[in-house]
Protein backbone atom coordinates (compact mmCIF):
# COMPACT_ATOMS: atom_id res chain seq x y z
CA UNK A 1 0.70 -32.76 -5.42
CA UNK A 2 2.89 -29.91 -6.68
CA UNK A 3 2.49 -26.50 -5.01
CA UNK A 4 3.74 -22.99 -5.81
CA UNK A 5 4.39 -20.56 -2.96
CA UNK A 6 3.67 -17.24 -4.74
CA UNK A 7 4.48 -14.85 -1.85
CA UNK A 8 7.27 -15.90 0.50
CA UNK A 9 10.02 -13.89 2.23
CA UNK A 10 12.77 -16.47 2.09
CA UNK A 11 15.45 -14.06 3.28
CA UNK A 12 13.86 -14.24 6.74
CA UNK A 13 13.55 -18.03 6.82
CA UNK A 14 15.90 -20.96 7.40
CA UNK A 15 17.22 -23.56 4.98
CA UNK A 16 15.15 -26.12 6.89
CA UNK A 17 12.01 -24.37 5.63
CA UNK A 18 13.18 -24.89 2.05
CA UNK A 19 13.82 -28.54 2.84
CA UNK A 20 10.40 -29.08 4.41
CA UNK A 21 8.67 -27.24 1.56
CA UNK A 22 10.44 -29.40 -1.00
CA UNK A 23 9.36 -32.54 0.89
CA UNK A 24 5.74 -31.34 0.86
CA UNK A 25 5.50 -30.60 -2.87
CA UNK A 26 6.61 -26.98 -3.27
CA UNK A 27 8.42 -26.58 -6.60
CA UNK A 28 8.73 -22.78 -6.81
CA UNK A 29 8.70 -19.75 -4.51
CA UNK A 30 8.36 -16.07 -5.36
CA UNK A 31 9.91 -13.46 -3.07
CA UNK A 32 8.55 -9.90 -3.14
CA UNK A 33 10.61 -7.06 -1.69
CA UNK A 34 9.38 -6.09 1.76
CA UNK A 35 10.09 -4.00 4.85
CA UNK A 36 13.22 -4.98 6.78
CA UNK A 37 11.69 -4.25 10.20
CA UNK A 38 13.28 -0.78 10.19
CA UNK A 39 13.34 2.09 7.72
CA UNK A 40 16.35 1.94 5.41
CA UNK A 41 18.21 5.22 4.93
CA UNK A 42 20.27 4.78 1.77
CA UNK A 43 19.51 3.70 -1.83
CA UNK A 44 22.45 1.31 -1.71
CA UNK A 45 20.82 -0.58 1.16
CA UNK A 46 17.85 -1.37 -1.07
CA UNK A 47 20.08 -2.33 -3.99
CA UNK A 48 22.09 -4.79 -1.91
CA UNK A 49 18.83 -6.23 -0.57
CA UNK A 50 17.49 -6.73 -4.09
CA UNK A 51 20.76 -8.44 -5.02
CA UNK A 52 20.46 -10.75 -2.04
CA UNK A 53 16.95 -11.92 -2.91
CA UNK A 54 17.71 -11.98 -6.64
CA UNK A 55 21.13 -13.62 -6.62
CA UNK A 56 21.73 -15.47 -3.34
CA UNK A 57 18.28 -16.80 -2.42
CA UNK A 58 17.95 -18.74 -5.70
CA UNK A 59 21.07 -20.69 -4.76
CA UNK A 60 19.59 -21.67 -1.39
CA UNK A 61 16.32 -22.74 -3.03
CA UNK A 62 18.16 -24.72 -5.72
CA UNK A 63 19.83 -26.86 -3.05
CA UNK A 64 16.37 -28.37 -2.49
CA UNK A 65 15.20 -28.47 -6.10
CA UNK A 66 13.00 -25.36 -5.75
CA UNK A 67 12.86 -22.56 -8.34
CA UNK A 68 13.17 -19.05 -6.87
CA UNK A 69 11.83 -15.82 -8.39
CA UNK A 70 11.79 -12.30 -6.95
CA UNK A 71 10.27 -8.82 -7.26
CA UNK A 72 11.60 -5.31 -6.56
CA UNK A 73 9.75 -2.50 -4.80
CA UNK A 74 9.88 0.22 -2.19
CA UNK A 75 7.61 -1.00 0.58
CA UNK A 76 4.82 1.46 1.46
CA UNK A 77 6.16 1.76 5.02
CA UNK A 78 9.27 3.44 3.54
CA UNK A 79 7.50 5.59 0.97
CA UNK A 80 7.30 8.53 3.37
CA UNK A 81 10.74 9.50 2.05
CA UNK A 82 9.99 10.32 -1.60
CA UNK A 83 13.52 11.46 -2.41
CA UNK A 84 15.00 8.15 -1.23
CA UNK A 85 12.23 6.18 -2.95
CA UNK A 86 12.87 7.84 -6.30
CA UNK A 87 16.59 7.11 -6.10
CA UNK A 88 15.73 3.44 -5.60
CA UNK A 89 13.19 3.43 -8.43
CA UNK A 90 15.90 4.56 -10.85
CA UNK A 91 17.59 1.18 -10.34
CA UNK A 92 14.53 -1.00 -11.00
CA UNK A 93 15.17 -1.43 -14.76
CA UNK A 94 18.54 -3.02 -14.01
CA UNK A 95 16.78 -5.75 -12.03
CA UNK A 96 14.00 -6.17 -14.61
CA UNK A 97 16.71 -7.56 -16.88
CA UNK A 98 17.56 -10.39 -14.49
CA UNK A 99 16.33 -13.87 -15.53
CA UNK A 100 14.28 -14.43 -12.35
CA UNK A 101 12.75 -10.98 -11.72
CA UNK A 102 8.97 -10.94 -12.19
CA UNK A 103 8.16 -7.24 -11.78
CA UNK A 104 7.27 -4.61 -9.17
CA UNK A 105 6.08 -5.83 -5.79
CA UNK A 106 5.08 -5.57 -3.14
CA UNK A 107 4.16 -1.94 -3.56
CA UNK A 108 0.88 -0.53 -2.24
CA UNK A 109 -0.31 1.36 0.84
CA UNK A 110 0.26 1.10 4.59
CA UNK A 111 -1.47 4.13 6.17
CA UNK A 112 -2.73 5.58 2.88
CA UNK A 113 -0.81 8.84 3.24
CA UNK A 114 -0.24 11.26 0.39
CA UNK A 115 3.42 10.25 0.05
CA UNK A 116 2.55 6.55 0.03
CA UNK A 117 -0.05 7.11 -2.69
CA UNK A 118 2.39 9.18 -4.77
CA UNK A 119 5.22 6.61 -4.63
CA UNK A 120 2.77 3.75 -5.21
CA UNK A 121 1.52 5.46 -8.37
CA UNK A 122 5.09 6.06 -9.58
CA UNK A 123 6.01 2.40 -9.04
CA UNK A 124 2.95 1.19 -10.92
CA UNK A 125 3.69 3.60 -13.77
CA UNK A 126 7.27 2.32 -13.97
CA UNK A 127 6.02 -1.27 -14.10
CA UNK A 128 3.61 -0.39 -16.92
CA UNK A 129 6.36 1.42 -18.82
CA UNK A 130 8.57 -1.68 -18.66
CA UNK A 131 5.77 -4.23 -19.17
CA UNK A 132 6.20 -5.79 -15.73
CA UNK A 133 3.78 -7.67 -13.48
CA UNK A 134 2.53 -5.81 -10.40
CA UNK A 135 2.01 -7.14 -6.85
CA UNK A 136 0.18 -4.83 -4.42
CA UNK A 137 0.11 -4.89 -0.62
CA UNK A 138 -3.15 -3.82 1.02
CA UNK A 139 -3.03 -2.36 4.56
CA UNK A 140 -3.52 -4.34 7.74
CA UNK A 141 -6.62 -4.61 9.91
CA UNK A 142 -8.30 -1.28 10.67
CA UNK A 143 -7.25 0.40 7.40
CA UNK A 144 -7.95 -2.60 5.16
CA UNK A 145 -11.21 -1.38 3.64
CA UNK A 146 -10.16 2.24 3.18
CA UNK A 147 -6.71 1.32 1.88
CA UNK A 148 -8.07 -1.19 -0.63
CA UNK A 149 -10.60 1.36 -1.87
CA UNK A 150 -7.85 3.97 -2.24
CA UNK A 151 -5.64 1.53 -4.18
CA UNK A 152 -8.48 0.80 -6.58
CA UNK A 153 -9.06 4.55 -7.05
CA UNK A 154 -5.39 5.14 -7.91
CA UNK A 155 -5.27 2.21 -10.32
CA UNK A 156 -8.41 3.48 -12.04
CA UNK A 157 -6.44 6.47 -13.31
CA UNK A 158 -3.50 4.45 -14.64
CA UNK A 159 -3.17 2.51 -17.93
CA UNK A 160 -2.74 -0.89 -16.30
CA UNK A 161 -3.65 -4.27 -17.77
CA UNK A 162 -5.81 -5.51 -14.88
CA UNK A 163 -5.08 -9.14 -15.59
CA UNK A 164 -1.41 -8.40 -14.84
CA UNK A 165 -2.11 -6.88 -11.40
CA UNK A 166 -2.33 -8.95 -8.20
CA UNK A 167 -3.82 -7.22 -5.13
CA UNK A 168 -2.79 -9.25 -2.10
CA UNK A 169 -3.92 -9.74 1.52
CA UNK A 170 -7.63 -9.63 0.62
CA UNK A 171 -10.18 -10.57 3.25
CA UNK A 172 -13.92 -11.21 3.34
CA UNK A 173 -14.78 -7.51 3.16
CA UNK A 174 -12.34 -6.58 0.36
CA UNK A 175 -12.22 -9.49 -2.08
CA UNK A 176 -15.37 -8.62 -3.99
CA UNK A 177 -14.32 -5.09 -5.10
CA UNK A 178 -10.93 -6.46 -6.25
CA UNK A 179 -12.44 -9.26 -8.32
CA UNK A 180 -15.26 -7.10 -9.67
CA UNK A 181 -12.69 -4.60 -10.93
CA UNK A 182 -10.94 -7.35 -12.91
CA UNK A 183 -7.75 -7.78 -10.86
CA UNK A 184 -6.24 -10.92 -9.35
CA UNK A 185 -6.81 -11.27 -5.61
CA UNK A 186 -4.58 -12.91 -3.02
CA UNK A 187 -5.40 -14.59 0.32
CA UNK A 188 -2.53 -14.47 2.79
CA UNK A 189 -2.37 -17.17 5.47
CA UNK A 190 -0.76 -15.23 8.29
CA UNK A 191 -1.79 -15.20 11.97
CA UNK A 192 -3.16 -12.07 13.65
CA UNK A 193 -3.05 -9.58 10.77
CA UNK A 194 -4.38 -11.57 7.82
CA UNK A 195 -6.40 -14.81 7.51
CA UNK A 196 -6.40 -18.46 8.58
CA UNK A 197 -6.44 -21.49 6.26
CA UNK A 198 -10.07 -22.20 7.20
CA UNK A 199 -11.14 -18.62 6.42
CA UNK A 200 -9.30 -18.83 3.09
CA UNK A 201 -11.17 -22.02 2.16
CA UNK A 202 -14.45 -20.38 3.18
CA UNK A 203 -13.69 -17.56 0.74
CA UNK A 204 -12.73 -20.02 -2.00
CA UNK A 205 -16.08 -21.76 -1.55
CA UNK A 206 -17.94 -18.45 -1.63
CA UNK A 207 -16.13 -16.75 -4.51
CA UNK A 208 -14.69 -19.61 -6.55
CA UNK A 209 -11.12 -20.09 -7.68
CA UNK A 210 -10.87 -17.73 -10.68
CA UNK A 211 -8.14 -15.09 -10.34
CA UNK A 212 -7.27 -16.22 -6.80
CA UNK A 213 -3.74 -16.73 -5.42
CA UNK A 214 -3.18 -18.25 -1.96
CA UNK A 215 0.10 -17.65 -0.14
CA UNK A 216 1.72 -17.72 3.29
CA UNK A 217 3.79 -14.49 3.07
CA UNK A 218 6.01 -16.07 5.75
CA UNK A 219 8.65 -13.66 7.03
CA UNK A 220 10.46 -12.73 10.28
CA UNK A 221 7.16 -12.27 12.14
CA UNK A 222 4.95 -14.95 13.75
CA UNK A 223 4.32 -16.84 10.52
CA UNK A 224 4.74 -20.26 8.97
CA UNK A 225 5.14 -21.23 5.29
CA UNK A 226 3.23 -24.45 5.99
CA UNK A 227 -0.05 -22.64 6.48
CA UNK A 228 -0.25 -23.10 2.69
CA UNK A 229 -0.15 -26.89 3.06
CA UNK A 230 -2.71 -26.61 5.89
CA UNK A 231 -4.97 -24.75 3.47
CA UNK A 232 -4.56 -27.48 0.83
CA UNK A 233 -5.49 -30.12 3.43
CA UNK A 234 -8.52 -28.15 4.62
CA UNK A 235 -9.67 -27.65 1.03
CA UNK A 236 -9.39 -31.38 0.32
CA UNK A 237 -10.96 -32.31 3.68
CA UNK A 238 -14.14 -30.54 2.59
CA UNK A 239 -14.45 -32.86 -0.39
CA UNK A 240 -12.90 -30.78 -3.14
CA UNK A 241 -11.05 -32.73 -5.83
CA UNK A 242 -7.31 -33.03 -6.24
CA UNK A 243 -7.57 -31.33 -9.65
CA UNK A 244 -9.45 -28.39 -8.11
CA UNK A 245 -6.74 -28.11 -5.45
CA UNK A 246 -4.07 -28.12 -8.13
CA UNK A 247 -5.91 -25.40 -10.04
CA UNK A 248 -5.75 -23.10 -6.99
CA UNK A 249 -2.38 -23.93 -5.46
CA UNK A 250 -0.35 -24.60 -8.62
CA UNK A 251 -2.07 -23.68 -11.88
CA UNK A 252 -3.40 -20.28 -10.78
CA UNK A 253 0.11 -19.05 -9.91
CA UNK A 254 1.29 -20.36 -13.28
CA UNK A 255 -1.54 -18.49 -15.03
CA UNK A 256 -0.74 -15.17 -13.38
CA UNK A 257 3.04 -15.33 -13.03
CA UNK A 258 3.45 -17.02 -16.41
CA UNK A 259 2.41 -13.75 -18.06
CA UNK A 260 6.07 -12.96 -17.51
CA UNK A 261 7.85 -15.47 -19.79
CA UNK A 262 10.61 -15.89 -17.19
CA UNK A 263 8.15 -17.89 -15.09
CA UNK A 264 8.13 -20.90 -17.39
CA UNK A 265 6.52 -23.63 -15.29
CA UNK A 266 3.82 -25.56 -17.21
CA UNK A 267 0.15 -25.98 -16.31
CA UNK A 268 -0.53 -29.46 -14.91
CA UNK A 269 -3.36 -31.97 -14.84
CA UNK A 270 -3.75 -34.80 -12.35
CA UNK A 271 -4.03 -37.36 -15.14
CA UNK A 272 -0.75 -36.27 -16.68
CA UNK A 273 1.01 -36.52 -13.33
CA UNK A 274 -0.40 -40.00 -12.76
CA UNK A 275 0.69 -41.16 -16.20
CA UNK A 276 4.19 -39.84 -15.55
CA UNK A 277 4.33 -41.51 -12.14
CA UNK A 278 3.08 -44.83 -13.53
CA UNK A 279 5.36 -44.87 -16.59
CA UNK A 280 7.97 -47.64 -16.39
CA UNK A 281 11.41 -46.46 -15.51
CA UNK A 282 13.85 -46.35 -18.40
CA UNK A 283 16.17 -49.31 -18.21
CA UNK A 284 19.90 -48.63 -18.36
CA UNK A 285 21.67 -49.96 -21.45
CA UNK A 286 23.31 -53.35 -20.97
CA UNK A 287 27.04 -53.31 -20.56
CA UNK A 288 28.83 -55.15 -23.41
CA UNK A 289 30.25 -58.51 -22.44
CA UNK A 290 33.96 -58.54 -21.70
CA UNK A 291 35.98 -59.79 -24.61
CA UNK A 292 38.21 -62.79 -24.00
């Protein structure tokens, strides 16, 4: 089965993770910009980071036959410095021109401060102006409900195409408002601060698979990209079909991300994959007999 990892911080992971993902069916990864573990002080630091995930990481992924795409954003944890944030935002259009950049993400809120909300709104407006996809981070744990509500309020006042907006890190108490408002929702399989594979499958069974993206968001914290494969196994263990699994873990990312023509992976059906696998191998042309 082919899998797409739609939210993955490859810069924090080893080449062995790429290798293991390739061996378990992952054909593409998408890397949003995120917090470095400390607050960056200079615009150039962000620019070099964007270049690393946009230029170098694709070469590491390609060594294992995996496509790599990326996003640009000022993480909400660093939005408390509006002057710095705006200097970085000026450079976004340069990256939008790159052949593997999908849009603005992950922007959003962390503590839902006034500065965070202001820079979030400016990033969304820039994405709309340049016809880019949008990936939004919702806060952790105790601020999840309030932060998600505040994000929805801000988006309500902006001219966004809701089908081109993905609100990530949803949990049982926040998924319904996101889906009801017409946005895509993401489940993040991350210990402690987000949700487990079993909880994600529970939510899939409760809310269905429409406009749902499942990801590991693996980074430098206590995380593992293979929680995504664990989720696939748990989903199948409960009796769901292979085609249904492919719809969630491959075709849904294609449906959302493919709204940017740079993400050109095709939708797949199990029958088509079986026919391709069962097709006889093309025989090499016979070598002409040596002339006497």
